[in-house]
Amino acid sequence: LAVRLTGEHLGPGETVETELLYNAAVLEFVGARTVSDAVAPVAAEASTQPGSVRLRMQVKPGQALSGNAPLVELTLRPRTKGISYLAFRAPRLSGQPAQPGKQAAIQVGASRVVVR
């Protein structure tokens, strides 16, 4: 299962941090890869809590993303038959170092995955 995360109107140095939640009994997190040359390699860290992966994506200095642009692609594989929801927790957008107080909410929604 491939999940592509997109961002909109991200400036140089801006960082997106979020946590992916899923049913670890049904799905297994395989990895994450950057799909835009304007984005630094994604940092994906499995949490000590099963079914949770922390993600950190940053636009490279001197680069910017306009419109709806792909950031990273996440890969998960099925463990067994069942239902899992993919959801994001505590998403936030932080500004570049010159604008440390700049923050905006990220629009996300849960997705239902059925493994047959």
N, C-alpha and C. Protein backbone atom coordinates (compact mmCIF):
# COMPACT_ATOMS: atom_id res chain seq x y z
N LEU A 1 0.86 -1.17 0.00
CA LEU A 1 0.00 0.00 0.00
C LEU A 1 0.90 1.23 0.00
N ALA A 2 0.73 2.09 -0.98
CA ALA A 2 1.50 3.33 -1.06
C ALA A 2 0.58 4.51 -0.74
N VAL A 3 1.05 5.40 0.12
CA VAL A 3 0.31 6.59 0.51
C VAL A 3 1.19 7.79 0.20
N ARG A 4 0.70 8.70 -0.62
CA ARG A 4 1.46 9.88 -0.99
C ARG A 4 0.95 11.09 -0.22
N LEU A 5 1.86 11.75 0.49
CA LEU A 5 1.51 12.97 1.23
C LEU A 5 1.87 14.17 0.38
N THR A 6 0.97 15.15 0.33
CA THR A 6 1.20 16.35 -0.45
C THR A 6 1.19 17.58 0.45
N GLY A 7 1.81 18.64 -0.02
CA GLY A 7 1.82 19.91 0.70
C GLY A 7 1.47 21.02 -0.26
N GLU A 8 1.06 22.12 0.27
CA GLU A 8 0.63 23.24 -0.56
C GLU A 8 1.28 24.52 -0.08
N HIS A 9 1.92 25.24 -0.99
CA HIS A 9 2.52 26.55 -0.73
C HIS A 9 3.49 26.53 0.45
N LEU A 10 4.49 25.65 0.36
CA LEU A 10 5.52 25.56 1.40
C LEU A 10 6.77 26.31 0.93
N GLY A 11 7.28 27.17 1.78
CA GLY A 11 8.44 27.98 1.43
C GLY A 11 9.75 27.33 1.84
N PRO A 12 10.87 27.95 1.48
CA PRO A 12 12.19 27.43 1.81
C PRO A 12 12.36 27.20 3.31
N GLY A 13 12.85 26.04 3.67
CA GLY A 13 13.11 25.72 5.07
C GLY A 13 11.91 25.33 5.90
N GLU A 14 10.71 25.40 5.34
CA GLU A 14 9.53 25.05 6.14
C GLU A 14 9.51 23.55 6.42
N THR A 15 9.03 23.21 7.60
CA THR A 15 9.03 21.83 8.07
C THR A 15 7.61 21.37 8.36
N VAL A 16 7.32 20.14 7.97
CA VAL A 16 6.04 19.51 8.28
C VAL A 16 6.35 18.31 9.18
N GLU A 17 5.77 18.28 10.36
CA GLU A 17 5.93 17.16 11.29
C GLU A 17 4.56 16.60 11.62
N THR A 18 4.42 15.29 11.56
CA THR A 18 3.15 14.65 11.89
C THR A 18 3.42 13.23 12.33
N GLU A 19 2.41 12.57 12.83
CA GLU A 19 2.51 11.18 13.25
C GLU A 19 1.42 10.38 12.57
N LEU A 20 1.80 9.32 11.88
CA LEU A 20 0.86 8.43 11.21
C LEU A 20 0.44 7.34 12.19
N LEU A 21 -0.88 7.16 12.33
CA LEU A 21 -1.43 6.11 13.18
C LEU A 21 -2.14 5.09 12.31
N TYR A 22 -1.97 3.81 12.60
CA TYR A 22 -2.60 2.72 11.84
C TYR A 22 -2.74 1.50 12.74
N ASN A 23 -3.51 0.53 12.30
CA ASN A 23 -3.72 -0.69 13.06
C ASN A 23 -2.55 -1.64 12.80
N ALA A 24 -1.65 -1.78 13.77
CA ALA A 24 -0.45 -2.60 13.60
C ALA A 24 -0.76 -4.09 13.50
N ALA A 25 -1.95 -4.50 13.90
CA ALA A 25 -2.32 -5.91 13.74
C ALA A 25 -2.65 -6.22 12.28
N VAL A 26 -3.03 -5.19 11.51
CA VAL A 26 -3.43 -5.37 10.11
C VAL A 26 -2.35 -4.92 9.13
N LEU A 27 -1.65 -3.82 9.46
CA LEU A 27 -0.65 -3.26 8.55
C LEU A 27 0.72 -3.15 9.22
N GLU A 28 1.76 -3.19 8.39
CA GLU A 28 3.12 -3.00 8.86
C GLU A 28 3.75 -1.85 8.08
N PHE A 29 4.38 -0.91 8.78
CA PHE A 29 5.06 0.20 8.12
C PHE A 29 6.37 -0.31 7.54
N VAL A 30 6.59 -0.07 6.24
CA VAL A 30 7.79 -0.53 5.56
C VAL A 30 8.81 0.59 5.44
N GLY A 31 8.36 1.79 5.05
CA GLY A 31 9.30 2.90 4.91
C GLY A 31 8.67 4.13 4.31
N ALA A 32 9.51 5.16 4.16
CA ALA A 32 9.08 6.44 3.59
C ALA A 32 10.20 6.95 2.71
N ARG A 33 9.82 7.56 1.59
CA ARG A 33 10.82 8.14 0.69
C ARG A 33 10.33 9.47 0.16
N THR A 34 11.26 10.38 -0.04
CA THR A 34 10.96 11.69 -0.59
C THR A 34 10.65 11.54 -2.08
N VAL A 35 9.62 12.23 -2.57
CA VAL A 35 9.25 12.15 -3.98
C VAL A 35 9.40 13.50 -4.70
N SER A 36 9.99 14.47 -4.03
CA SER A 36 10.22 15.79 -4.62
C SER A 36 11.68 16.17 -4.42
N ASP A 37 12.31 16.71 -5.46
CA ASP A 37 13.69 17.18 -5.35
C ASP A 37 13.80 18.38 -4.43
N ALA A 38 12.70 19.06 -4.17
CA ALA A 38 12.71 20.24 -3.32
C ALA A 38 12.63 19.90 -1.83
N VAL A 39 12.44 18.61 -1.51
CA VAL A 39 12.27 18.17 -0.12
C VAL A 39 13.48 17.36 0.31
N ALA A 40 14.01 17.67 1.49
CA ALA A 40 15.13 16.91 2.05
C ALA A 40 14.65 15.49 2.37
N PRO A 41 15.58 14.53 2.51
CA PRO A 41 15.16 13.18 2.86
C PRO A 41 14.25 13.17 4.10
N VAL A 42 13.18 12.42 4.00
CA VAL A 42 12.19 12.36 5.08
C VAL A 42 12.77 11.57 6.26
N ALA A 43 12.46 12.05 7.47
CA ALA A 43 12.83 11.33 8.68
C ALA A 43 11.59 10.60 9.17
N ALA A 44 11.65 9.27 9.19
CA ALA A 44 10.53 8.44 9.67
C ALA A 44 11.04 7.62 10.84
N GLU A 45 10.40 7.79 11.97
CA GLU A 45 10.84 7.11 13.19
C GLU A 45 9.67 6.35 13.81
N ALA A 46 9.82 5.03 13.91
CA ALA A 46 8.78 4.21 14.54
C ALA A 46 8.71 4.55 16.02
N SER A 47 7.50 4.66 16.50
CA SER A 47 7.28 4.95 17.91
C SER A 47 7.40 3.65 18.72
N THR A 48 7.56 3.79 20.02
CA THR A 48 7.55 2.61 20.87
C THR A 48 6.15 2.01 20.95
N GLN A 49 5.16 2.80 20.59
CA GLN A 49 3.77 2.34 20.55
C GLN A 49 3.51 1.71 19.18
N PRO A 50 3.10 0.44 19.11
CA PRO A 50 2.82 -0.19 17.80
C PRO A 50 1.74 0.58 17.04
N GLY A 51 1.94 0.70 15.72
CA GLY A 51 0.97 1.39 14.89
C GLY A 51 1.14 2.90 14.85
N SER A 52 2.36 3.37 15.12
CA SER A 52 2.62 4.80 15.15
C SER A 52 4.01 5.08 14.57
N VAL A 53 4.06 6.02 13.61
CA VAL A 53 5.33 6.43 13.00
C VAL A 53 5.36 7.95 12.96
N ARG A 54 6.44 8.55 13.49
CA ARG A 54 6.62 9.99 13.43
C ARG A 54 7.33 10.36 12.13
N LEU A 55 6.84 11.40 11.46
CA LEU A 55 7.40 11.84 10.18
C LEU A 55 7.81 13.30 10.26
N ARG A 56 8.96 13.59 9.65
CA ARG A 56 9.44 14.97 9.57
C ARG A 56 9.92 15.22 8.15
N MET A 57 9.29 16.20 7.49
CA MET A 57 9.62 16.55 6.11
C MET A 57 10.00 18.02 6.09
N GLN A 58 11.07 18.37 5.35
CA GLN A 58 11.50 19.77 5.29
C GLN A 58 11.83 20.16 3.86
N VAL A 59 11.33 21.33 3.47
CA VAL A 59 11.66 21.90 2.16
C VAL A 59 13.11 22.38 2.24
N LYS A 60 13.90 22.06 1.21
CA LYS A 60 15.31 22.45 1.18
C LYS A 60 15.43 23.98 1.11
N PRO A 61 16.52 24.53 1.70
CA PRO A 61 16.77 25.97 1.57
C PRO A 61 16.88 26.35 0.09
N GLY A 62 16.31 27.48 -0.26
CA GLY A 62 16.35 27.94 -1.65
C GLY A 62 15.31 27.29 -2.54
N GLN A 63 14.52 26.38 -2.01
CA GLN A 63 13.46 25.70 -2.77
C GLN A 63 12.11 26.14 -2.21
N ALA A 64 11.07 25.94 -2.98
CA ALA A 64 9.70 26.22 -2.53
C ALA A 64 8.75 25.30 -3.29
N LEU A 65 7.61 25.04 -2.71
CA LEU A 65 6.59 24.23 -3.35
C LEU A 65 5.34 25.08 -3.51
N SER A 66 4.89 25.26 -4.73
CA SER A 66 3.67 26.03 -4.95
C SER A 66 2.58 25.07 -5.40
N GLY A 67 1.35 25.46 -5.16
CA GLY A 67 0.25 24.57 -5.52
C GLY A 67 0.26 23.32 -4.67
N ASN A 68 -0.38 22.28 -5.14
CA ASN A 68 -0.46 21.01 -4.43
C ASN A 68 0.67 20.12 -4.93
N ALA A 69 1.72 19.96 -4.13
CA ALA A 69 2.92 19.25 -4.57
C ALA A 69 3.17 18.01 -3.70
N PRO A 70 3.62 16.91 -4.29
CA PRO A 70 3.94 15.72 -3.51
C PRO A 70 5.17 15.95 -2.63
N LEU A 71 5.13 15.42 -1.41
CA LEU A 71 6.27 15.52 -0.48
C LEU A 71 6.96 14.18 -0.34
N VAL A 72 6.22 13.20 0.18
CA VAL A 72 6.80 11.87 0.44
C VAL A 72 5.78 10.78 0.11
N GLU A 73 6.30 9.58 -0.06
CA GLU A 73 5.45 8.41 -0.25
C GLU A 73 5.75 7.42 0.87
N LEU A 74 4.70 6.99 1.54
CA LEU A 74 4.81 6.02 2.62
C LEU A 74 4.41 4.65 2.08
N THR A 75 5.10 3.61 2.54
CA THR A 75 4.77 2.26 2.11
C THR A 75 4.41 1.42 3.33
N LEU A 76 3.24 0.77 3.25
CA LEU A 76 2.79 -0.15 4.28
C LEU A 76 2.44 -1.47 3.61
N ARG A 77 2.56 -2.57 4.32
CA ARG A 77 2.17 -3.86 3.75
C ARG A 77 1.22 -4.58 4.69
N PRO A 78 0.34 -5.41 4.12
CA PRO A 78 -0.62 -6.12 4.96
C PRO A 78 0.03 -7.20 5.80
N ARG A 79 -0.45 -7.36 7.03
CA ARG A 79 -0.02 -8.44 7.90
C ARG A 79 -1.05 -9.57 7.89
N THR A 80 -2.33 -9.15 7.89
CA THR A 80 -3.43 -10.11 7.93
C THR A 80 -4.69 -9.41 7.42
N LYS A 81 -5.74 -10.18 7.22
CA LYS A 81 -7.02 -9.60 6.80
C LYS A 81 -7.57 -8.74 7.94
N GLY A 82 -8.24 -7.66 7.54
CA GLY A 82 -8.84 -6.80 8.56
C GLY A 82 -9.03 -5.39 8.05
N ILE A 83 -9.37 -4.49 8.98
CA ILE A 83 -9.61 -3.08 8.67
C ILE A 83 -8.66 -2.23 9.49
N SER A 84 -8.08 -1.25 8.84
CA SER A 84 -7.24 -0.28 9.52
C SER A 84 -7.64 1.11 9.04
N TYR A 85 -7.52 2.06 9.91
CA TYR A 85 -7.69 3.47 9.52
C TYR A 85 -6.31 4.11 9.55
N LEU A 86 -6.03 4.94 8.58
CA LEU A 86 -4.81 5.73 8.56
C LEU A 86 -5.21 7.13 9.01
N ALA A 87 -4.59 7.60 10.06
CA ALA A 87 -4.91 8.93 10.59
C ALA A 87 -3.62 9.63 10.97
N PHE A 88 -3.68 10.95 11.05
CA PHE A 88 -2.52 11.75 11.42
C PHE A 88 -2.82 12.48 12.73
N ARG A 89 -1.83 12.49 13.63
CA ARG A 89 -2.01 13.09 14.95
C ARG A 89 -1.07 14.28 15.13
N ALA A 90 -1.58 15.32 15.79
CA ALA A 90 -0.82 16.52 16.16
C ALA A 90 -0.04 17.11 14.99
N PRO A 91 -0.69 17.29 13.83
CA PRO A 91 0.06 17.89 12.72
C PRO A 91 0.29 19.37 12.95
N ARG A 92 1.45 19.85 12.50
CA ARG A 92 1.74 21.27 12.59
C ARG A 92 2.74 21.65 11.51
N LEU A 93 2.77 22.90 11.19
CA LEU A 93 3.70 23.45 10.21
C LEU A 93 4.49 24.53 10.91
N SER A 94 5.80 24.43 10.89
CA SER A 94 6.61 25.46 11.54
C SER A 94 7.40 26.23 10.49
N GLY A 95 7.58 27.50 10.74
CA GLY A 95 8.26 28.36 9.79
C GLY A 95 9.76 28.16 9.79
N GLN A 96 10.41 28.74 8.82
CA GLN A 96 11.86 28.67 8.73
C GLN A 96 12.47 29.43 9.91
N PRO A 97 13.76 29.25 10.18
CA PRO A 97 14.38 29.88 11.35
C PRO A 97 14.16 31.39 11.45
N ALA A 98 14.06 32.08 10.32
CA ALA A 98 13.84 33.52 10.36
C ALA A 98 12.42 33.87 10.80
N GLN A 99 11.52 32.87 10.81
CA GLN A 99 10.13 33.09 11.21
C GLN A 99 9.70 32.03 12.23
N PRO A 100 10.34 31.97 13.40
CA PRO A 100 10.08 30.88 14.33
C PRO A 100 8.65 30.82 14.87
N GLY A 101 7.92 31.92 14.85
CA GLY A 101 6.56 31.90 15.39
C GLY A 101 5.49 31.52 14.39
N LYS A 102 5.84 31.37 13.14
CA LYS A 102 4.85 31.08 12.10
C LYS A 102 4.38 29.63 12.21
N GLN A 103 3.07 29.44 12.38
CA GLN A 103 2.50 28.10 12.44
C GLN A 103 1.14 28.10 11.77
N ALA A 104 0.79 26.97 11.17
CA ALA A 104 -0.52 26.81 10.54
C ALA A 104 -0.94 25.36 10.66
N ALA A 105 -2.25 25.14 10.73
CA ALA A 105 -2.76 23.77 10.82
C ALA A 105 -2.64 23.08 9.48
N ILE A 106 -2.52 21.76 9.52
CA ILE A 106 -2.48 20.95 8.31
C ILE A 106 -3.84 20.29 8.17
N GLN A 107 -4.37 20.27 6.96
CA GLN A 107 -5.66 19.61 6.72
C GLN A 107 -5.41 18.14 6.46
N VAL A 108 -5.99 17.30 7.30
CA VAL A 108 -5.84 15.85 7.15
C VAL A 108 -7.17 15.18 7.43
N GLY A 109 -7.30 13.97 7.02
CA GLY A 109 -8.48 13.17 7.29
C GLY A 109 -8.08 11.73 7.42
N ALA A 110 -8.91 10.94 8.04
CA ALA A 110 -8.64 9.52 8.18
C ALA A 110 -9.08 8.78 6.92
N SER A 111 -8.36 7.74 6.60
CA SER A 111 -8.69 6.89 5.46
C SER A 111 -8.88 5.46 5.94
N ARG A 112 -9.85 4.79 5.40
CA ARG A 112 -10.14 3.41 5.79
C ARG A 112 -9.47 2.47 4.79
N VAL A 113 -8.75 1.46 5.30
CA VAL A 113 -8.07 0.47 4.49
C VAL A 113 -8.63 -0.90 4.85
N VAL A 114 -9.11 -1.62 3.83
CA VAL A 114 -9.62 -2.97 4.05
C VAL A 114 -8.66 -3.96 3.40
N VAL A 115 -8.11 -4.87 4.19
CA VAL A 115 -7.20 -5.90 3.68
C VAL A 115 -7.98 -7.19 3.57
N ARG A 116 -8.04 -7.73 2.35
CA ARG A 116 -8.81 -8.97 2.11
C ARG A 116 -7.91 -10.13 1.82
